[in-house]
Amino acid sequence: MPQQKRQTAKLTNTEELNSGKYFQKEGFTPNYLLTPQGRRLSRARLVATVVDTFTNEDETYGSITLDDGLDTTQVKFFNDIDDVSEFEEGDIVEAIGKVREYQGQIYMDAEVLKDVAVEKELLHQLRYRKTMEEWSQIRDTVKQLKESGKDQEDIEKEMAGKLDEDEVDSLLQSFGESFSVSETQEDIENLEKDVLDAVENLDEGEGADYADIVDEIDEPEDKLEDTINGLLSDGTCYEPKPGKIKKL
């Protein structure tokens, strides 16, 4: 059976994470975030300040919200949440994890989280800036090659030693993508409210049936499933029995 290649944890910041477009792949191709600059992020490395921590009542889910002065992002923990209690607001941490998406919001699925000195945050910013300056020059070169009529195979040959095939593919893909945000936080909160209202209306004592909730709300089932799972994860709702949803 083929093994999935472990992706490099690339330097990034919250602004880049929140501006990209997420692509879910099948088989052994890893999911990735495509940024407007044409970078492909499957795993990321971020240094930022802890501004909030959360653990649900069942202690099956936790999150740490990080702020690097540009924007915020969450590092999430599922089941193994011991690390969450080790950090508090004001700590500066280095986070490494897989880039994931839930309801249009990008987050990091925690792999490594450790305290670092304040100087590490500045060093991270300087390294990221240098990385992006070098990437910008490469991106301009690839764009010029494309506009000159070169196809992808020709560009890969021209950029051999500087870019691998995935990087060329990502750059070419980014030239034709729109990076406008399709779902706002307000949209997400409105859908969560609709689900909670439906749970309350349909609950006759033992919880609302999942299928009835789906029938009650005019939204795609996969979108509703994500919303319900999110409400279960953050402790707003729970399952008194399989297939039944109840509001706390």
Protein backbone atom coordinates (compact mmCIF):
# COMPACT_ATOMS: atom_id res chain seq x y z
CA MET A 1 0.00 0.00 0.00
CA PRO A 2 1.43 3.43 -0.92
CA GLN A 3 2.46 5.63 1.98
CA GLN A 4 1.46 9.28 2.22
CA LYS A 5 4.49 11.55 2.22
CA ARG A 6 4.76 13.62 5.41
CA GLN A 7 4.29 17.25 4.48
CA THR A 8 6.68 19.97 5.62
CA ALA A 9 5.32 22.30 8.30
CA LYS A 10 5.65 25.62 6.48
CA LEU A 11 6.15 28.97 8.19
CA THR A 12 2.96 30.99 8.10
CA ASN A 13 0.93 33.59 9.98
CA THR A 14 -2.75 34.00 10.84
CA GLU A 15 -3.37 36.45 8.00
CA GLU A 16 -2.18 33.93 5.41
CA LEU A 17 -4.14 31.09 7.02
CA ASN A 18 -7.37 33.08 6.97
CA SER A 19 -7.00 34.30 3.39
CA GLY A 20 -6.61 30.93 1.68
CA LYS A 21 -8.99 28.48 0.04
CA TYR A 22 -9.23 24.92 1.36
CA PHE A 23 -9.20 21.86 -0.87
CA GLN A 24 -10.16 18.40 0.34
CA LYS A 25 -8.55 15.59 -1.61
CA GLU A 26 -9.14 11.86 -1.88
CA GLY A 27 -6.86 8.90 -1.40
CA PHE A 28 -3.26 9.56 -0.41
CA THR A 29 -3.21 13.17 -1.65
CA PRO A 30 -3.19 15.40 1.46
CA ASN A 31 -5.78 18.13 1.92
CA TYR A 32 -4.32 21.60 1.61
CA LEU A 33 -4.92 25.33 1.93
CA LEU A 34 -4.14 27.25 -1.26
CA THR A 35 -3.11 30.81 -0.43
CA PRO A 36 -3.57 33.83 -2.71
CA GLN A 37 0.23 33.81 -3.17
CA GLY A 38 0.03 30.25 -4.51
CA ARG A 39 1.48 28.46 -1.51
CA ARG A 40 0.11 25.03 -0.61
CA LEU A 41 -0.18 24.51 3.15
CA SER A 42 -0.98 21.03 4.45
CA ARG A 43 0.99 21.46 7.68
CA ALA A 44 1.87 24.80 9.20
CA ARG A 45 4.20 26.34 11.78
CA LEU A 46 3.02 29.43 13.64
CA VAL A 47 4.32 31.50 16.58
CA ALA A 48 1.74 33.64 18.36
CA THR A 49 0.24 34.65 21.70
CA VAL A 50 -2.44 32.68 23.53
CA VAL A 51 -5.57 34.83 23.94
CA ASP A 52 -8.11 32.17 24.94
CA THR A 53 -8.39 28.50 25.94
CA PHE A 54 -11.44 26.22 25.97
CA THR A 55 -12.26 22.66 27.07
CA ASN A 56 -15.72 21.12 26.81
CA GLU A 57 -17.42 19.47 29.79
CA ASP A 58 -16.78 15.94 28.50
CA GLU A 59 -13.08 16.76 28.08
CA THR A 60 -13.17 15.32 24.58
CA TYR A 61 -12.38 18.58 22.81
CA GLY A 62 -10.26 21.64 23.51
CA SER A 63 -8.94 24.66 21.68
CA ILE A 64 -6.39 27.42 22.08
CA THR A 65 -6.90 30.70 20.24
CA LEU A 66 -3.71 32.36 19.00
CA ASP A 67 -3.12 35.98 17.99
CA ASP A 68 0.01 37.16 16.17
CA GLY A 69 -1.05 40.79 15.79
CA LEU A 70 -2.49 40.27 12.30
CA ASP A 71 -5.46 38.00 12.98
CA THR A 72 -6.40 35.01 15.12
CA THR A 73 -6.63 31.28 14.55
CA GLN A 74 -7.46 28.25 16.66
CA VAL A 75 -5.36 25.22 17.46
CA LYS A 76 -7.76 22.37 18.20
CA PHE A 77 -7.34 19.18 20.21
CA PHE A 78 -9.59 16.13 19.91
CA ASN A 79 -9.70 13.56 22.74
CA ASP A 80 -6.09 14.12 23.84
CA ILE A 81 -6.55 17.55 25.41
CA ASP A 82 -3.94 17.52 28.22
CA ASP A 83 -1.88 20.20 26.48
CA VAL A 84 -4.70 22.75 26.68
CA SER A 85 -4.43 23.07 30.47
CA GLU A 86 -0.70 23.75 30.25
CA PHE A 87 -1.20 27.15 28.61
CA GLU A 88 -2.84 30.38 29.67
CA GLU A 89 -3.56 33.80 28.21
CA GLY A 90 -0.40 35.74 27.45
CA ASP A 91 1.81 32.72 26.77
CA ILE A 92 3.80 32.83 23.54
CA VAL A 93 3.76 29.46 21.81
CA GLU A 94 5.04 27.75 18.72
CA ALA A 95 2.33 25.61 17.13
CA ILE A 96 2.79 22.92 14.49
CA GLY A 97 -0.17 21.09 13.03
CA LYS A 98 -2.19 20.01 10.06
CA VAL A 99 -4.24 22.74 8.41
CA ARG A 100 -7.94 21.92 8.55
CA GLU A 101 -11.26 23.61 7.81
CA TYR A 102 -14.58 23.53 9.65
CA GLN A 103 -17.60 25.56 8.48
CA GLY A 104 -15.42 27.83 6.38
CA GLN A 105 -13.03 28.55 9.25
CA ILE A 106 -9.40 27.44 9.02
CA TYR A 107 -7.78 25.93 12.10
CA MET A 108 -4.75 23.84 13.02
CA ASP A 109 -5.11 20.26 14.23
CA ALA A 110 -2.50 20.26 16.98
CA GLU A 111 0.64 18.14 16.66
CA VAL A 112 3.19 20.18 18.65
CA LEU A 113 2.60 23.10 20.99
CA LYS A 114 5.37 24.54 23.15
CA ASP A 115 6.25 27.68 25.09
CA VAL A 116 8.82 29.93 23.45
CA ALA A 117 10.57 33.18 24.37
CA VAL A 118 9.19 36.48 23.08
CA GLU A 119 12.21 36.76 20.77
CA LYS A 120 11.05 33.64 18.93
CA GLU A 121 7.90 35.44 17.78
CA LEU A 122 9.92 38.25 16.23
CA LEU A 123 12.35 35.78 14.65
CA HIS A 124 9.42 33.85 13.18
CA GLN A 125 8.02 37.05 11.65
CA LEU A 126 11.39 37.93 10.10
CA ARG A 127 11.85 34.44 8.67
CA TYR A 128 8.32 34.45 7.28
CA ARG A 129 8.88 37.85 5.65
CA LYS A 130 12.08 36.62 3.99
CA THR A 131 10.33 33.44 2.84
CA MET A 132 7.54 35.44 1.24
CA GLU A 133 9.94 37.85 -0.47
CA GLU A 134 11.73 34.91 -2.08
CA TRP A 135 8.44 33.24 -2.95
CA SER A 136 7.14 36.42 -4.58
CA GLN A 137 10.09 36.48 -6.95
CA ILE A 138 9.55 32.82 -7.86
CA ARG A 139 5.84 33.44 -8.36
CA ASP A 140 6.56 36.30 -10.76
CA THR A 141 8.90 34.05 -12.76
CA VAL A 142 6.28 31.29 -13.05
CA LYS A 143 3.65 33.82 -14.09
CA GLN A 144 5.94 35.17 -16.83
CA LEU A 145 6.60 31.63 -18.08
CA LYS A 146 2.88 30.91 -18.19
CA GLU A 147 2.12 34.15 -20.03
CA SER A 148 4.85 33.34 -22.56
CA GLY A 149 2.91 30.21 -23.54
CA LYS A 150 4.79 27.56 -21.56
CA ASP A 151 2.70 24.62 -20.37
CA GLN A 152 2.97 23.05 -16.91
CA GLU A 153 5.50 20.42 -17.95
CA ASP A 154 7.76 23.06 -19.50
CA ILE A 155 7.47 25.25 -16.40
CA GLU A 156 8.37 22.31 -14.15
CA LYS A 157 11.53 21.77 -16.22
CA GLU A 158 12.40 25.49 -16.12
CA MET A 159 11.91 25.64 -12.34
CA ALA A 160 13.60 22.32 -11.51
CA GLY A 161 15.74 22.71 -8.40
CA LYS A 162 13.67 25.65 -7.18
CA LEU A 163 10.14 24.20 -7.12
CA ASP A 164 8.73 20.69 -6.97
CA GLU A 165 5.74 19.60 -9.09
CA ASP A 166 3.19 20.35 -6.34
CA GLU A 167 4.53 23.88 -5.92
CA VAL A 168 4.32 24.58 -9.65
CA ASP A 169 0.81 23.13 -9.70
CA SER A 170 -0.25 25.32 -6.76
CA LEU A 171 1.11 28.49 -8.34
CA LEU A 172 -0.64 27.80 -11.63
CA GLN A 173 -3.85 26.96 -9.76
CA SER A 174 -3.70 30.20 -7.76
CA PHE A 175 -3.64 32.32 -10.93
CA GLY A 176 -7.16 31.15 -11.78
CA GLU A 177 -8.73 31.02 -8.30
CA SER A 178 -10.99 33.52 -6.57
CA PHE A 179 -10.18 33.96 -2.89
CA SER A 180 -13.28 35.83 -1.79
CA VAL A 181 -14.73 34.53 1.49
CA SER A 182 -17.90 32.60 0.70
CA GLU A 183 -19.25 32.19 4.24
CA THR A 184 -19.02 34.82 6.96
CA GLN A 185 -18.95 34.30 10.70
CA GLU A 186 -22.44 35.79 10.80
CA ASP A 187 -23.65 33.09 8.36
CA ILE A 188 -22.17 30.39 10.59
CA GLU A 189 -23.74 31.83 13.75
CA ASN A 190 -27.14 32.16 12.05
CA LEU A 191 -27.08 28.51 11.01
CA GLU A 192 -26.09 27.45 14.52
CA LYS A 193 -29.06 29.44 15.87
CA ASP A 194 -31.40 27.75 13.37
CA VAL A 195 -30.15 24.33 14.48
CA LEU A 196 -30.56 25.17 18.17
CA ASP A 197 -34.08 26.48 17.54
CA ALA A 198 -34.94 23.28 15.68
CA VAL A 199 -33.54 21.14 18.50
CA GLU A 200 -35.68 22.97 21.05
CA ASN A 201 -38.82 22.80 18.90
CA LEU A 202 -38.43 19.09 18.09
CA ASP A 203 -37.33 17.90 21.52
CA GLU A 204 -40.23 16.19 23.28
CA GLY A 205 -38.12 15.07 26.20
CA GLU A 206 -35.55 12.60 24.89
CA GLY A 207 -33.89 14.94 22.43
CA ALA A 208 -34.52 15.91 18.81
CA ASP A 209 -34.05 13.28 16.14
CA TYR A 210 -31.14 14.06 13.82
CA ALA A 211 -33.19 13.28 10.69
CA ASP A 212 -35.98 15.62 11.83
CA ILE A 213 -33.47 18.45 12.31
CA VAL A 214 -32.20 17.94 8.77
CA ASP A 215 -35.77 17.99 7.43
CA GLU A 216 -36.60 21.11 9.43
CA ILE A 217 -33.81 23.32 8.00
CA ASP A 218 -33.41 24.13 4.32
CA GLU A 219 -29.64 23.59 4.06
CA PRO A 220 -27.46 20.79 2.60
CA GLU A 221 -27.17 17.82 4.96
CA ASP A 222 -23.36 17.86 5.00
CA LYS A 223 -23.43 21.50 6.09
CA LEU A 224 -25.95 20.72 8.84
CA GLU A 225 -23.92 17.71 9.94
CA ASP A 226 -20.84 19.91 10.33
CA THR A 227 -22.85 22.45 12.34
CA ILE A 228 -24.34 19.80 14.64
CA ASN A 229 -20.93 18.21 15.18
CA GLY A 230 -19.54 21.62 16.07
CA LEU A 231 -22.29 22.21 18.64
CA LEU A 232 -21.59 18.79 20.13
CA SER A 233 -17.84 19.44 20.22
CA ASP A 234 -18.12 22.79 22.00
CA GLY A 235 -20.59 21.43 24.56
CA THR A 236 -23.63 23.45 23.45
CA CYS A 237 -25.48 20.19 22.73
CA TYR A 238 -25.05 16.52 23.61
CA GLU A 239 -26.37 13.13 22.50
CA PRO A 240 -28.49 11.45 25.20
CA LYS A 241 -28.64 8.47 22.84
CA PRO A 242 -27.36 7.82 19.29
CA GLY A 243 -29.23 9.90 16.71
CA LYS A 244 -30.77 12.20 19.33
CA ILE A 245 -29.57 15.78 19.89
CA LYS A 246 -30.35 17.72 23.04
CA LYS A 247 -29.45 21.26 24.05
CA LEU A 248 -27.67 21.75 27.36
